[in-house]
PDB file of N, CA and C in Angstrom:
ATOM      1  N   MET A   1    -103.614  59.378 -35.014  1.00  0.00           N
ATOM      2  CA  MET A   1    -102.201  59.119 -35.004  1.00  0.00           C
ATOM      3  C   MET A   1    -101.980  57.797 -34.291  1.00  0.00           C
ATOM      4  N   ASP A   2    -101.095  57.009 -34.840  1.00  0.00           N
ATOM      5  CA  ASP A   2    -100.777  55.731 -34.212  1.00  0.00           C
ATOM      6  C   ASP A   2     -99.333  55.369 -34.505  1.00  0.00           C
ATOM      7  N   PHE A   3     -98.717  54.645 -33.567  1.00  0.00           N
ATOM      8  CA  PHE A   3     -97.341  54.198 -33.725  1.00  0.00           C
ATOM      9  C   PHE A   3     -97.294  52.831 -34.406  1.00  0.00           C
ATOM     10  N   ASP A   4     -98.466  52.291 -34.707  1.00  0.00           N
ATOM     11  CA  ASP A   4     -98.585  50.996 -35.374  1.00  0.00           C
ATOM     12  C   ASP A   4     -98.998  51.242 -36.830  1.00  0.00           C
ATOM     13  N   PRO A   5     -98.106  51.004 -37.783  1.00  0.00           N
ATOM     14  CA  PRO A   5     -98.428  51.291 -39.188  1.00  0.00           C
ATOM     15  C   PRO A   5     -99.670  50.558 -39.693  1.00  0.00           C
ATOM     16  N   SER A   6     -99.894  49.334 -39.218  1.00  0.00           N
ATOM     17  CA  SER A   6    -101.070  48.598 -39.690  1.00  0.00           C
ATOM     18  C   SER A   6    -102.360  49.240 -39.192  1.00  0.00           C
ATOM     19  N   SER A   7    -102.344  49.841 -38.019  1.00  0.00           N
ATOM     20  CA  SER A   7    -103.521  50.557 -37.524  1.00  0.00           C
ATOM     21  C   SER A   7    -103.808  51.788 -38.377  1.00  0.00           C
ATOM     22  N   VAL A   8    -102.755  52.481 -38.761  1.00  0.00           N
ATOM     23  CA  VAL A   8    -102.925  53.658 -39.619  1.00  0.00           C
ATOM     24  C   VAL A   8    -103.590  53.249 -40.931  1.00  0.00           C
ATOM     25  N   VAL A   9    -103.135  52.153 -41.522  1.00  0.00           N
ATOM     26  CA  VAL A   9    -103.723  51.657 -42.771  1.00  0.00           C
ATOM     27  C   VAL A   9    -105.198  51.312 -42.577  1.00  0.00           C
ATOM     28  N   LYS A  10    -105.522  50.646 -41.471  1.00  0.00           N
ATOM     29  CA  LYS A  10    -106.924  50.278 -41.204  1.00  0.00           C
ATOM     30  C   LYS A  10    -107.816  51.513 -41.101  1.00  0.00           C
ATOM     31  N   TRP A  11    -107.351  52.544 -40.370  1.00  0.00           N
ATOM     32  CA  TRP A  11    -108.152  53.765 -40.241  1.00  0.00           C
ATOM     33  C   TRP A  11    -108.332  54.452 -41.594  1.00  0.00           C
ATOM     34  N   ARG A  12    -107.266  54.504 -42.361  1.00  0.00           N
ATOM     35  CA  ARG A  12    -107.357  55.117 -43.695  1.00  0.00           C
ATOM     36  C   ARG A  12    -108.319  54.342 -44.587  1.00  0.00           C
ATOM     37  N   ASP A  13    -108.266  53.006 -44.517  1.00  0.00           N
ATOM     38  CA  ASP A  13    -109.184  52.174 -45.303  1.00  0.00           C
ATOM     39  C   ASP A  13    -110.639  52.421 -44.924  1.00  0.00           C
ATOM     40  N   ARG A  14    -110.877  52.841 -43.715  1.00  0.00           N
ATOM     41  CA  ARG A  14    -112.238  53.147 -43.246  1.00  0.00           C
ATOM     42  C   ARG A  14    -112.652  54.584 -43.572  1.00  0.00           C
ATOM     43  N   GLY A  15    -111.752  55.344 -44.213  1.00  0.00           N
ATOM     44  CA  GLY A  15    -112.077  56.698 -44.631  1.00  0.00           C
ATOM     45  C   GLY A  15    -111.688  57.791 -43.659  1.00  0.00           C
ATOM     46  N   PHE A  16    -110.886  57.466 -42.645  1.00  0.00           N
ATOM     47  CA  PHE A  16    -110.466  58.464 -41.672  1.00  0.00           C
ATOM     48  C   PHE A  16    -109.069  58.969 -42.002  1.00  0.00           C
ATOM     49  N   ASP A  17    -108.796  60.213 -41.605  1.00  0.00           N
ATOM     50  CA  ASP A  17    -107.437  60.734 -41.693  1.00  0.00           C
ATOM     51  C   ASP A  17    -106.625  60.069 -40.592  1.00  0.00           C
ATOM     52  N   ALA A  18    -105.504  59.501 -40.926  1.00  0.00           N
ATOM     53  CA  ALA A  18    -104.649  58.852 -39.945  1.00  0.00           C
ATOM     54  C   ALA A  18    -103.199  59.055 -40.346  1.00  0.00           C
ATOM     55  N   VAL A  19    -102.361  59.278 -39.333  1.00  0.00           N
ATOM     56  CA  VAL A  19    -100.940  59.462 -39.584  1.00  0.00           C
ATOM     57  C   VAL A  19    -100.143  58.558 -38.659  1.00  0.00           C
ATOM     58  N   TYR A  20     -98.990  58.152 -39.138  1.00  0.00           N
ATOM     59  CA  TYR A  20     -98.067  57.347 -38.352  1.00  0.00           C
ATOM     60  C   TYR A  20     -97.163  58.293 -37.583  1.00  0.00           C
ATOM     61  N   GLY A  21     -97.016  58.056 -36.281  1.00  0.00           N
ATOM     62  CA  GLY A  21     -96.117  58.899 -35.515  1.00  0.00           C
ATOM     63  C   GLY A  21     -96.081  58.530 -34.056  1.00  0.00           C
ATOM     64  N   ASP A  22     -95.224  59.229 -33.337  1.00  0.00           N
ATOM     65  CA  ASP A  22     -94.981  58.965 -31.919  1.00  0.00           C
ATOM     66  C   ASP A  22     -95.379  60.186 -31.104  1.00  0.00           C
ATOM     67  N   VAL A  23     -96.378  60.023 -30.253  1.00  0.00           N
ATOM     68  CA  VAL A  23     -96.883  61.132 -29.444  1.00  0.00           C
ATOM     69  C   VAL A  23     -95.838  61.644 -28.456  1.00  0.00           C
ATOM     70  N   SER A  24     -94.821  60.840 -28.176  1.00  0.00           N
ATOM     71  CA  SER A  24     -93.797  61.303 -27.240  1.00  0.00           C
ATOM     72  C   SER A  24     -92.762  62.215 -27.909  1.00  0.00           C
ATOM     73  N   ASP A  25     -92.901  62.424 -29.212  1.00  0.00           N
ATOM     74  CA  ASP A  25     -92.025  63.338 -29.944  1.00  0.00           C
ATOM     75  C   ASP A  25     -92.715  64.698 -30.053  1.00  0.00           C
ATOM     76  N   PRO A  26     -92.298  65.685 -29.255  1.00  0.00           N
ATOM     77  CA  PRO A  26     -92.989  66.976 -29.262  1.00  0.00           C
ATOM     78  C   PRO A  26     -92.968  67.676 -30.615  1.00  0.00           C
ATOM     79  N   HIS A  27     -91.934  67.462 -31.418  1.00  0.00           N
ATOM     80  CA  HIS A  27     -91.873  68.086 -32.741  1.00  0.00           C
ATOM     81  C   HIS A  27     -92.947  67.504 -33.662  1.00  0.00           C
ATOM     82  N   PHE A  28     -93.166  66.207 -33.546  1.00  0.00           N
ATOM     83  CA  PHE A  28     -94.212  65.564 -34.350  1.00  0.00           C
ATOM     84  C   PHE A  28     -95.590  66.067 -33.938  1.00  0.00           C
ATOM     85  N   VAL A  29     -95.862  66.095 -32.635  1.00  0.00           N
ATOM     86  CA  VAL A  29     -97.169  66.551 -32.142  1.00  0.00           C
ATOM     87  C   VAL A  29     -97.420  67.994 -32.564  1.00  0.00           C
ATOM     88  N   ALA A  30     -96.387  68.826 -32.502  1.00  0.00           N
ATOM     89  CA  ALA A  30     -96.533  70.241 -32.873  1.00  0.00           C
ATOM     90  C   ALA A  30     -96.888  70.413 -34.344  1.00  0.00           C
ATOM     91  N   GLU A  31     -96.512  69.455 -35.181  1.00  0.00           N
ATOM     92  CA  GLU A  31     -96.796  69.539 -36.615  1.00  0.00           C
ATOM     93  C   GLU A  31     -98.203  69.064 -36.986  1.00  0.00           C
ATOM     94  N   LEU A  32     -98.903  68.433 -36.065  1.00  0.00           N
ATOM     95  CA  LEU A  32    -100.246  67.932 -36.365  1.00  0.00           C
ATOM     96  C   LEU A  32    -101.226  69.097 -36.507  1.00  0.00           C
ATOM     97  N   PRO A  33    -102.179  68.989 -37.425  1.00  0.00           N
ATOM     98  CA  PRO A  33    -103.149  70.082 -37.636  1.00  0.00           C
ATOM     99  C   PRO A  33    -104.278  70.026 -36.593  1.00  0.00           C
ATOM    100  N   LEU A  34    -103.945  70.393 -35.353  1.00  0.00           N
ATOM    101  CA  LEU A  34    -104.920  70.257 -34.269  1.00  0.00           C
ATOM    102  C   LEU A  34    -105.440  71.583 -33.729  1.00  0.00           C
ATOM    103  N   LYS A  35    -104.959  72.696 -34.243  1.00  0.00           N
ATOM    104  CA  LYS A  35    -105.363  73.994 -33.697  1.00  0.00           C
ATOM    105  C   LYS A  35    -106.874  74.200 -33.706  1.00  0.00           C
ATOM    106  N   SER A  36    -107.559  73.690 -34.721  1.00  0.00           N
ATOM    107  CA  SER A  36    -109.008  73.887 -34.799  1.00  0.00           C
ATOM    108  C   SER A  36    -109.803  72.684 -34.292  1.00  0.00           C
ATOM    109  N   ALA A  37    -109.117  71.647 -33.817  1.00  0.00           N
ATOM    110  CA  ALA A  37    -109.818  70.464 -33.302  1.00  0.00           C
ATOM    111  C   ALA A  37    -110.523  70.816 -32.000  1.00  0.00           C
ATOM    112  N   GLU A  38    -111.712  70.270 -31.823  1.00  0.00           N
ATOM    113  CA  GLU A  38    -112.439  70.491 -30.576  1.00  0.00           C
ATOM    114  C   GLU A  38    -111.948  69.561 -29.476  1.00  0.00           C
ATOM    115  N   TRP A  39    -111.522  68.363 -29.849  1.00  0.00           N
ATOM    116  CA  TRP A  39    -111.076  67.357 -28.892  1.00  0.00           C
ATOM    117  C   TRP A  39    -109.829  66.647 -29.392  1.00  0.00           C
ATOM    118  N   VAL A  40    -108.955  66.288 -28.459  1.00  0.00           N
ATOM    119  CA  VAL A  40    -107.898  65.315 -28.683  1.00  0.00           C
ATOM    120  C   VAL A  40    -108.174  64.210 -27.678  1.00  0.00           C
ATOM    121  N   ILE A  41    -108.298  62.987 -28.172  1.00  0.00           N
ATOM    122  CA  ILE A  41    -108.574  61.835 -27.319  1.00  0.00           C
ATOM    123  C   ILE A  41    -107.394  60.889 -27.425  1.00  0.00           C
ATOM    124  N   SER A  42    -106.760  60.635 -26.296  1.00  0.00           N
ATOM    125  CA  SER A  42    -105.587  59.765 -26.268  1.00  0.00           C
ATOM    126  C   SER A  42    -105.906  58.491 -25.510  1.00  0.00           C
ATOM    127  N   THR A  43    -105.694  57.358 -26.175  1.00  0.00           N
ATOM    128  CA  THR A  43    -105.845  56.059 -25.522  1.00  0.00           C
ATOM    129  C   THR A  43    -104.481  55.419 -25.289  1.00  0.00           C
ATOM    130  N   LEU A  44    -103.452  56.232 -25.389  1.00  0.00           N
ATOM    131  CA  LEU A  44    -102.081  55.777 -25.202  1.00  0.00           C
ATOM    132  C   LEU A  44    -101.898  55.160 -23.824  1.00  0.00           C
ATOM    133  N   GLN A  45    -101.269  54.009 -23.784  1.00  0.00           N
ATOM    134  CA  GLN A  45    -100.919  53.400 -22.507  1.00  0.00           C
ATOM    135  C   GLN A  45     -99.510  53.829 -22.135  1.00  0.00           C
ATOM    136  N   HIS A  46     -99.337  54.189 -20.882  1.00  0.00           N
ATOM    137  CA  HIS A  46     -98.027  54.622 -20.394  1.00  0.00           C
ATOM    138  C   HIS A  46     -97.194  53.395 -20.055  1.00  0.00           C
ATOM    139  N   HIS A  47     -96.134  53.174 -20.847  1.00  0.00           N
ATOM    140  CA  HIS A  47     -95.290  51.998 -20.647  1.00  0.00           C
ATOM    141  C   HIS A  47     -93.917  52.343 -20.080  1.00  0.00           C
ATOM    142  N   GLY A  48     -93.625  53.590 -19.971  1.00  0.00           N
ATOM    143  CA  GLY A  48     -92.307  53.953 -19.460  1.00  0.00           C
ATOM    144  C   GLY A  48     -91.848  55.275 -20.039  1.00  0.00           C
ATOM    145  N   PRO A  49     -90.597  55.613 -19.849  1.00  0.00           N
ATOM    146  CA  PRO A  49     -90.081  56.917 -20.268  1.00  0.00           C
ATOM    147  C   PRO A  49     -90.277  57.201 -21.758  1.00  0.00           C
ATOM    148  N   ALA A  50     -90.508  58.467 -22.049  1.00  0.00           N
ATOM    149  CA  ALA A  50     -90.655  58.925 -23.423  1.00  0.00           C
ATOM    150  C   ALA A  50     -89.438  59.772 -23.792  1.00  0.00           C
ATOM    151  N   LEU A  51     -89.475  60.353 -24.982  1.00  0.00           N
ATOM    152  CA  LEU A  51     -88.332  61.142 -25.443  1.00  0.00           C
ATOM    153  C   LEU A  51     -88.033  62.334 -24.541  1.00  0.00           C
ATOM    154  N   VAL A  52     -89.074  63.041 -24.099  1.00  0.00           N
ATOM    155  CA  VAL A  52     -88.877  64.268 -23.342  1.00  0.00           C
ATOM    156  C   VAL A  52     -89.225  64.093 -21.866  1.00  0.00           C
ATOM    157  N   ASP A  53     -90.369  63.504 -21.586  1.00  0.00           N
ATOM    158  CA  ASP A  53     -90.863  63.356 -20.222  1.00  0.00           C
ATOM    159  C   ASP A  53     -90.915  61.890 -19.824  1.00  0.00           C
ATOM    160  N   GLN A  54     -91.042  61.655 -18.545  1.00  0.00           N
ATOM    161  CA  GLN A  54     -91.214  60.302 -18.036  1.00  0.00           C
ATOM    162  C   GLN A  54     -92.499  59.687 -18.594  1.00  0.00           C
ATOM    163  N   ASP A  55     -93.528  60.493 -18.767  1.00  0.00           N
ATOM    164  CA  ASP A  55     -94.833  60.040 -19.232  1.00  0.00           C
ATOM    165  C   ASP A  55     -95.135  60.697 -20.582  1.00  0.00           C
ATOM    166  N   PRO A  56     -95.292  59.921 -21.664  1.00  0.00           N
ATOM    167  CA  PRO A  56     -95.539  60.513 -22.977  1.00  0.00           C
ATOM    168  C   PRO A  56     -96.833  61.322 -23.041  1.00  0.00           C
ATOM    169  N   ARG A  57     -97.778  61.015 -22.163  1.00  0.00           N
ATOM    170  CA  ARG A  57     -99.019  61.807 -22.125  1.00  0.00           C
ATOM    171  C   ARG A  57     -98.714  63.238 -21.698  1.00  0.00           C
ATOM    172  N   LEU A  58     -97.722  63.405 -20.813  1.00  0.00           N
ATOM    173  CA  LEU A  58     -97.306  64.737 -20.379  1.00  0.00           C
ATOM    174  C   LEU A  58     -96.667  65.492 -21.542  1.00  0.00           C
ATOM    175  N   THR A  59     -95.848  64.807 -22.333  1.00  0.00           N
ATOM    176  CA  THR A  59     -95.260  65.430 -23.522  1.00  0.00           C
ATOM    177  C   THR A  59     -96.366  65.940 -24.438  1.00  0.00           C
ATOM    178  N   MET A  60     -97.375  65.095 -24.673  1.00  0.00           N
ATOM    179  CA  MET A  60     -98.472  65.479 -25.544  1.00  0.00           C
ATOM    180  C   MET A  60     -99.206  66.706 -24.992  1.00  0.00           C
ATOM    181  N   MET A  61     -99.538  66.681 -23.692  1.00  0.00           N
ATOM    182  CA  MET A  61    -100.267  67.800 -23.081  1.00  0.00           C
ATOM    183  C   MET A  61     -99.462  69.102 -23.168  1.00  0.00           C
ATOM    184  N   ARG A  62     -98.182  69.037 -22.815  1.00  0.00           N
ATOM    185  CA  ARG A  62     -97.337  70.241 -22.851  1.00  0.00           C
ATOM    186  C   ARG A  62     -97.223  70.792 -24.266  1.00  0.00           C
ATOM    187  N   THR A  63     -97.033  69.903 -25.218  1.00  0.00           N
ATOM    188  CA  THR A  63     -96.875  70.338 -26.607  1.00  0.00           C
ATOM    189  C   THR A  63     -98.155  70.971 -27.123  1.00  0.00           C
ATOM    190  N   LEU A  64     -99.286  70.348 -26.856  1.00  0.00           N
ATOM    191  CA  LEU A  64    -100.567  70.909 -27.300  1.00  0.00           C
ATOM    192  C   LEU A  64    -100.785  72.298 -26.708  1.00  0.00           C
ATOM    193  N   LYS A  65    -100.548  72.437 -25.419  1.00  0.00           N
ATOM    194  CA  LYS A  65    -100.763  73.725 -24.758  1.00  0.00           C
ATOM    195  C   LYS A  65     -99.781  74.782 -25.263  1.00  0.00           C
ATOM    196  N   ALA A  66     -98.525  74.397 -25.460  1.00  0.00           N
ATOM    197  CA  ALA A  66     -97.523  75.346 -25.960  1.00  0.00           C
ATOM    198  C   ALA A  66     -97.834  75.791 -27.382  1.00  0.00           C
ATOM    199  N   ASP A  67     -98.509  74.918 -28.131  1.00  0.00           N
ATOM    200  CA  ASP A  67     -98.865  75.219 -29.516  1.00  0.00           C
ATOM    201  C   ASP A  67    -100.186  75.979 -29.624  1.00  0.00           C
ATOM    202  N   GLY A  68    -100.799  76.299 -28.488  1.00  0.00           N
ATOM    203  CA  GLY A  68    -102.022  77.093 -28.505  1.00  0.00           C
ATOM    204  C   GLY A  68    -103.307  76.301 -28.680  1.00  0.00           C
ATOM    205  N   PHE A  69    -103.272  74.992 -28.426  1.00  0.00           N
ATOM    206  CA  PHE A  69    -104.482  74.183 -28.552  1.00  0.00           C
ATOM    207  C   PHE A  69    -105.525  74.676 -27.556  1.00  0.00           C
ATOM    208  N   LYS A  70    -106.736  74.959 -28.052  1.00  0.00           N
ATOM    209  CA  LYS A  70    -107.803  75.511 -27.213  1.00  0.00           C
ATOM    210  C   LYS A  70    -108.905  74.501 -26.920  1.00  0.00           C
ATOM    211  N   GLY A  71    -108.846  73.334 -27.549  1.00  0.00           N
ATOM    212  CA  GLY A  71    -109.895  72.342 -27.362  1.00  0.00           C
ATOM    213  C   GLY A  71    -109.761  71.602 -26.045  1.00  0.00           C
ATOM    214  N   LYS A  72    -110.489  70.531 -25.942  1.00  0.00           N
ATOM    215  CA  LYS A  72    -110.477  69.706 -24.739  1.00  0.00           C
ATOM    216  C   LYS A  72    -109.675  68.429 -24.998  1.00  0.00           C
ATOM    217  N   ILE A  73    -109.177  67.855 -23.905  1.00  0.00           N
ATOM    218  CA  ILE A  73    -108.339  66.667 -24.013  1.00  0.00           C
ATOM    219  C   ILE A  73    -108.892  65.569 -23.111  1.00  0.00           C
ATOM    220  N   ALA A  74    -109.087  64.397 -23.697  1.00  0.00           N
ATOM    221  CA  ALA A  74    -109.508  63.207 -22.950  1.00  0.00           C
ATOM    222  C   ALA A  74    -108.352  62.210 -22.993  1.00  0.00           C
ATOM    223  N   ILE A  75    -108.029  61.646 -21.832  1.00  0.00           N
ATOM    224  CA  ILE A  75    -106.930  60.693 -21.745  1.00  0.00           C
ATOM    225  C   ILE A  75    -107.423  59.434 -21.039  1.00  0.00           C
ATOM    226  N   ALA A  76    -107.089  58.278 -21.620  1.00  0.00           N
ATOM    227  CA  ALA A  76    -107.446  56.998 -21.018  1.00  0.00           C
ATOM    228  C   ALA A  76    -106.389  56.582 -20.003  1.00  0.00           C
ATOM    229  N   VAL A  77    -106.855  55.993 -18.901  1.00  0.00           N
ATOM    230  CA  VAL A  77    -105.963  55.380 -17.926  1.00  0.00           C
ATOM    231  C   VAL A  77    -106.377  53.919 -17.787  1.00  0.00           C
ATOM    232  N   TYR A  78    -105.414  53.080 -17.558  1.00  0.00           N
ATOM    233  CA  TYR A  78    -105.674  51.644 -17.501  1.00  0.00           C
ATOM    234  C   TYR A  78    -105.489  51.081 -16.104  1.00  0.00           C
ATOM    235  N   ARG A  79    -105.109  51.957 -15.176  1.00  0.00           N
ATOM    236  CA  ARG A  79    -105.047  51.607 -13.745  1.00  0.00           C
ATOM    237  C   ARG A  79    -105.699  52.748 -12.991  1.00  0.00           C
ATOM    238  N   HIS A  80    -106.600  52.417 -12.097  1.00  0.00           N
ATOM    239  CA  HIS A  80    -107.300  53.460 -11.347  1.00  0.00           C
ATOM    240  C   HIS A  80    -106.314  54.352 -10.585  1.00  0.00           C
ATOM    241  N   SER A  81    -105.191  53.800 -10.195  1.00  0.00           N
ATOM    242  CA  SER A  81    -104.183  54.572  -9.453  1.00  0.00           C
ATOM    243  C   SER A  81    -103.575  55.700 -10.295  1.00  0.00           C
ATOM    244  N   ASP A  82    -103.776  55.672 -11.621  1.00  0.00           N
ATOM    245  CA  ASP A  82    -103.240  56.725 -12.498  1.00  0.00           C
ATOM    246  C   ASP A  82    -104.172  57.926 -12.648  1.00  0.00           C
ATOM    247  N   VAL A  83    -105.406  57.819 -12.164  1.00  0.00           N
ATOM    248  CA  VAL A  83    -106.389  58.879 -12.373  1.00  0.00           C
ATOM    249  C   VAL A  83    -105.892  60.214 -11.836  1.00  0.00           C
ATOM    250  N   GLU A  84    -105.439  60.244 -10.610  1.00  0.00           N
ATOM    251  CA  GLU A  84    -104.998  61.497  -9.992  1.00  0.00           C
ATOM    252  C   GLU A  84    -103.825  62.110 -10.759  1.00  0.00           C
ATOM    253  N   HIS A  85    -102.889  61.271 -11.182  1.00  0.00           N
ATOM    254  CA  HIS A  85    -101.730  61.757 -11.943  1.00  0.00           C
ATOM    255  C   HIS A  85    -102.175  62.406 -13.252  1.00  0.00           C
ATOM    256  N   VAL A  86    -103.076  61.751 -13.983  1.00  0.00           N
ATOM    257  CA  VAL A  86    -103.507  62.272 -15.279  1.00  0.00           C
ATOM    258  C   VAL A  86    -104.363  63.528 -15.098  1.00  0.00           C
ATOM    259  N   GLU A  87    -105.146  63.581 -14.027  1.00  0.00           N
ATOM    260  CA  GLU A  87    -105.882  64.820 -13.732  1.00  0.00           C
ATOM    261  C   GLU A  87    -104.902  65.971 -13.545  1.00  0.00           C
ATOM    262  N   GLY A  88    -103.783  65.675 -12.886  1.00  0.00           N
ATOM    263  CA  GLY A  88    -102.755  66.683 -12.668  1.00  0.00           C
ATOM    264  C   GLY A  88    -102.098  67.170 -13.951  1.00  0.00           C
ATOM    265  N   LEU A  89    -102.178  66.376 -15.006  1.00  0.00           N
ATOM    266  CA  LEU A  89    -101.635  66.791 -16.301  1.00  0.00           C
ATOM    267  C   LEU A  89    -102.523  67.836 -16.970  1.00  0.00           C
ATOM    268  N   GLY A  90    -103.762  67.953 -16.494  1.00  0.00           N
ATOM    269  CA  GLY A  90    -104.670  68.929 -17.060  1.00  0.00           C
ATOM    270  C   GLY A  90    -105.690  68.374 -18.037  1.00  0.00           C
ATOM    271  N   ALA A  91    -105.898  67.072 -18.006  1.00  0.00           N
ATOM    272  CA  ALA A  91    -106.895  66.473 -18.903  1.00  0.00           C
ATOM    273  C   ALA A  91    -108.290  66.921 -18.509  1.00  0.00           C
ATOM    274  N   ASP A  92    -109.135  67.150 -19.504  1.00  0.00           N
ATOM    275  CA  ASP A  92    -110.520  67.558 -19.247  1.00  0.00           C
ATOM    276  C   ASP A  92    -111.395  66.361 -18.889  1.00  0.00           C
ATOM    277  N   VAL A  93    -111.102  65.212 -19.473  1.00  0.00           N
ATOM    278  CA  VAL A  93    -111.871  63.997 -19.231  1.00  0.00           C
ATOM    279  C   VAL A  93    -110.890  62.836 -19.037  1.00  0.00           C
ATOM    280  N   ILE A  94    -111.158  62.026 -18.022  1.00  0.00           N
ATOM    281  CA  ILE A  94    -110.372  60.822 -17.788  1.00  0.00           C
ATOM    282  C   ILE A  94    -111.240  59.627 -18.175  1.00  0.00           C
ATOM    283  N   LEU A  95    -110.735  58.814 -19.078  1.00  0.00           N
ATOM    284  CA  LEU A  95    -111.439  57.606 -19.507  1.00  0.00           C
ATOM    285  C   LEU A  95    -110.818  56.416 -18.786  1.00  0.00           C
ATOM    286  N   GLU A  96    -111.673  55.552 -18.236  1.00  0.00           N
ATOM    287  CA  GLU A  96    -111.195  54.338 -17.574  1.00  0.00           C
ATOM    288  C   GLU A  96    -111.844  53.138 -18.259  1.00  0.00           C
ATOM    289  N   PRO A  97    -111.288  52.680 -19.383  1.00  0.00           N
ATOM    290  CA  PRO A  97    -111.935  51.641 -20.178  1.00  0.00           C
ATOM    291  C   PRO A  97    -112.249  50.355 -19.419  1.00  0.00           C
ATOM    292  N   PHE A  98    -111.337  49.885 -18.575  1.00  0.00           N
ATOM    293  CA  PHE A  98    -111.583  48.638 -17.861  1.00  0.00           C
ATOM    294  C   PHE A  98    -112.683  48.811 -16.822  1.00  0.00           C
ATOM    295  N   GLU A  99    -112.622  49.913 -16.082  1.00  0.00           N
ATOM    296  CA  GLU A  99    -113.644  50.166 -15.070  1.00  0.00           C
ATOM    297  C   GLU A  99    -115.006  50.409 -15.735  1.00  0.00           C
ATOM    298  N   ASP A 100    -115.003  51.167 -16.831  1.00  0.00           N
ATOM    299  CA  ASP A 100    -116.256  51.436 -17.549  1.00  0.00           C
ATOM    300  C   ASP A 100    -116.859  50.151 -18.102  1.00  0.00           C
ATOM    301  N   ALA A 101    -116.025  49.271 -18.664  1.00  0.00           N
ATOM    302  CA  ALA A 101    -116.511  48.008 -19.212  1.00  0.00           C
ATOM    303  C   ALA A 101    -117.074  47.129 -18.100  1.00  0.00           C
ATOM    304  N   ALA A 102    -116.401  47.099 -16.958  1.00  0.00           N
ATOM    305  CA  ALA A 102    -116.893  46.299 -15.838  1.00  0.00           C
ATOM    306  C   ALA A 102    -118.240  46.825 -15.363  1.00  0.00           C
ATOM    307  N   GLN A 103    -118.376  48.149 -15.261  1.00  0.00           N
ATOM    308  CA  GLN A 103    -119.640  48.730 -14.812  1.00  0.00           C
ATOM    309  C   GLN A 103    -120.760  48.447 -15.806  1.00  0.00           C
ATOM    310  N   MET A 104    -120.462  48.537 -17.092  1.00  0.00           N
ATOM    311  CA  MET A 104    -121.478  48.234 -18.111  1.00  0.00           C
ATOM    312  C   MET A 104    -121.900  46.769 -18.019  1.00  0.00           C
ATOM    313  N   THR A 105    -120.962  45.884 -17.749  1.00  0.00           N
ATOM    314  CA  THR A 105    -121.279  44.462 -17.609  1.00  0.00           C
ATOM    315  C   THR A 105    -122.182  44.229 -16.409  1.00  0.00           C
ATOM    316  N   VAL A 106    -121.860  44.844 -15.281  1.00  0.00           N
ATOM    317  CA  VAL A 106    -122.695  44.722 -14.087  1.00  0.00           C
ATOM    318  C   VAL A 106    -124.104  45.246 -14.373  1.00  0.00           C
ATOM    319  N   ASN A 107    -124.199  46.393 -15.027  1.00  0.00           N
ATOM    320  CA  ASN A 107    -125.515  46.961 -15.353  1.00  0.00           C
ATOM    321  C   ASN A 107    -126.315  46.019 -16.249  1.00  0.00           C
ATOM    322  N   GLU A 108    -125.655  45.421 -17.226  1.00  0.00           N
ATOM    323  CA  GLU A 108    -126.324  44.498 -18.145  1.00  0.00           C
ATOM    324  C   GLU A 108    -126.828  43.258 -17.405  1.00  0.00           C
ATOM    325  N   ILE A 109    -125.987  42.724 -16.530  1.00  0.00           N
ATOM    326  CA  ILE A 109    -126.391  41.537 -15.756  1.00  0.00           C
ATOM    327  C   ILE A 109    -127.554  41.874 -14.835  1.00  0.00           C
ATOM    328  N   GLU A 110    -127.455  43.001 -14.150  1.00  0.00           N
ATOM    329  CA  GLU A 110    -128.532  43.398 -13.244  1.00  0.00           C
ATOM    330  C   GLU A 110    -129.848  43.601 -13.981  1.00  0.00           C
ATOM    331  N   SER A 111    -129.789  44.185 -15.169  1.00  0.00           N
ATOM    332  CA  SER A 111    -131.022  44.444 -15.911  1.00  0.00           C
ATOM    333  C   SER A 111    -131.641  43.165 -16.463  1.00  0.00           C
ATOM    334  N   SER A 112    -130.862  42.081 -16.531  1.00  0.00           N
ATOM    335  CA  SER A 112    -131.400  40.833 -17.069  1.00  0.00           C
ATOM    336  C   SER A 112    -132.113  40.002 -16.003  1.00  0.00           C
ATOM    337  N   PHE A 113    -131.901  40.322 -14.737  1.00  0.00           N
ATOM    338  CA  PHE A 113    -132.587  39.583 -13.675  1.00  0.00           C
ATOM    339  C   PHE A 113    -134.070  39.914 -13.686  1.00  0.00           C
ATOM    340  N   THR A 114    -134.895  38.912 -13.514  1.00  0.00           N
ATOM    341  CA  THR A 114    -136.329  39.127 -13.376  1.00  0.00           C
ATOM    342  C   THR A 114    -136.607  39.343 -11.905  1.00  0.00           C
ATOM    343  N   ARG A 115    -137.238  40.397 -11.623  1.00  0.00           N
ATOM    344  CA  ARG A 115    -137.569  40.699 -10.233  1.00  0.00           C
ATOM    345  C   ARG A 115    -138.760  39.849  -9.806  1.00  0.00           C
ATOM    346  N   ILE A 116    -138.613  39.101  -8.751  1.00  0.00           N
ATOM    347  CA  ILE A 116    -139.681  38.256  -8.236  1.00  0.00           C
ATOM    348  C   ILE A 116    -140.287  38.968  -7.031  1.00  0.00           C
ATOM    349  N   PRO A 117    -141.567  39.259  -7.111  1.00  0.00           N
ATOM    350  CA  PRO A 117    -142.181  39.949  -5.962  1.00  0.00           C
ATOM    351  C   PRO A 117    -142.161  39.064  -4.718  1.00  0.00           C
ATOM    352  N   VAL A 118    -141.885  39.686  -3.625  1.00  0.00           N
ATOM    353  CA  VAL A 118    -141.861  38.974  -2.351  1.00  0.00           C
ATOM    354  C   VAL A 118    -143.247  39.095  -1.725  1.00  0.00           C
ATOM    355  N   GLU A 119    -143.815  37.937  -1.418  1.00  0.00           N
ATOM    356  CA  GLU A 119    -145.159  37.954  -0.793  1.00  0.00           C
ATOM    357  C   GLU A 119    -145.004  38.063   0.705  1.00  0.00           C
ATOM    358  N   SER A 120    -145.829  38.893   1.269  1.00  0.00           N
ATOM    359  CA  SER A 120    -145.805  39.008   2.717  1.00  0.00           C
ATOM    360  C   SER A 120    -146.777  38.003   3.323  1.00  0.00           C
ATOM    361  N   SER A 121    -146.438  37.461   4.466  1.00  0.00           N
ATOM    362  CA  SER A 121    -147.320  36.464   5.065  1.00  0.00           C
ATOM    363  C   SER A 121    -148.164  37.032   6.158  1.00  0.00           C
TER     364      SER A 121
END
């Protein structure tokens, strides 16, 4: 699901099921065929108030749970200060794309260094 129509077209062109919609609309989320899904992964960035809740991720979580969703939910956060808040929403996994990318970069740089043995005198 995406609120950007061009993204929906791109996913469909790649052979994926994709729908246009707004996750902050609980009626729309309730209509999605997610009851048998094992995971819902949200990369939505919180930009401000949504239709029902201050945080659209909360609308999504409440709607999924009220609709009987039994799978797991992963939510991305883009500021480390949001981790505790999103954990409080009941997410099973918190994704931190910027922190994860930085850590992967550090690991890559570290692995490229040649270790020079230190000779003892």
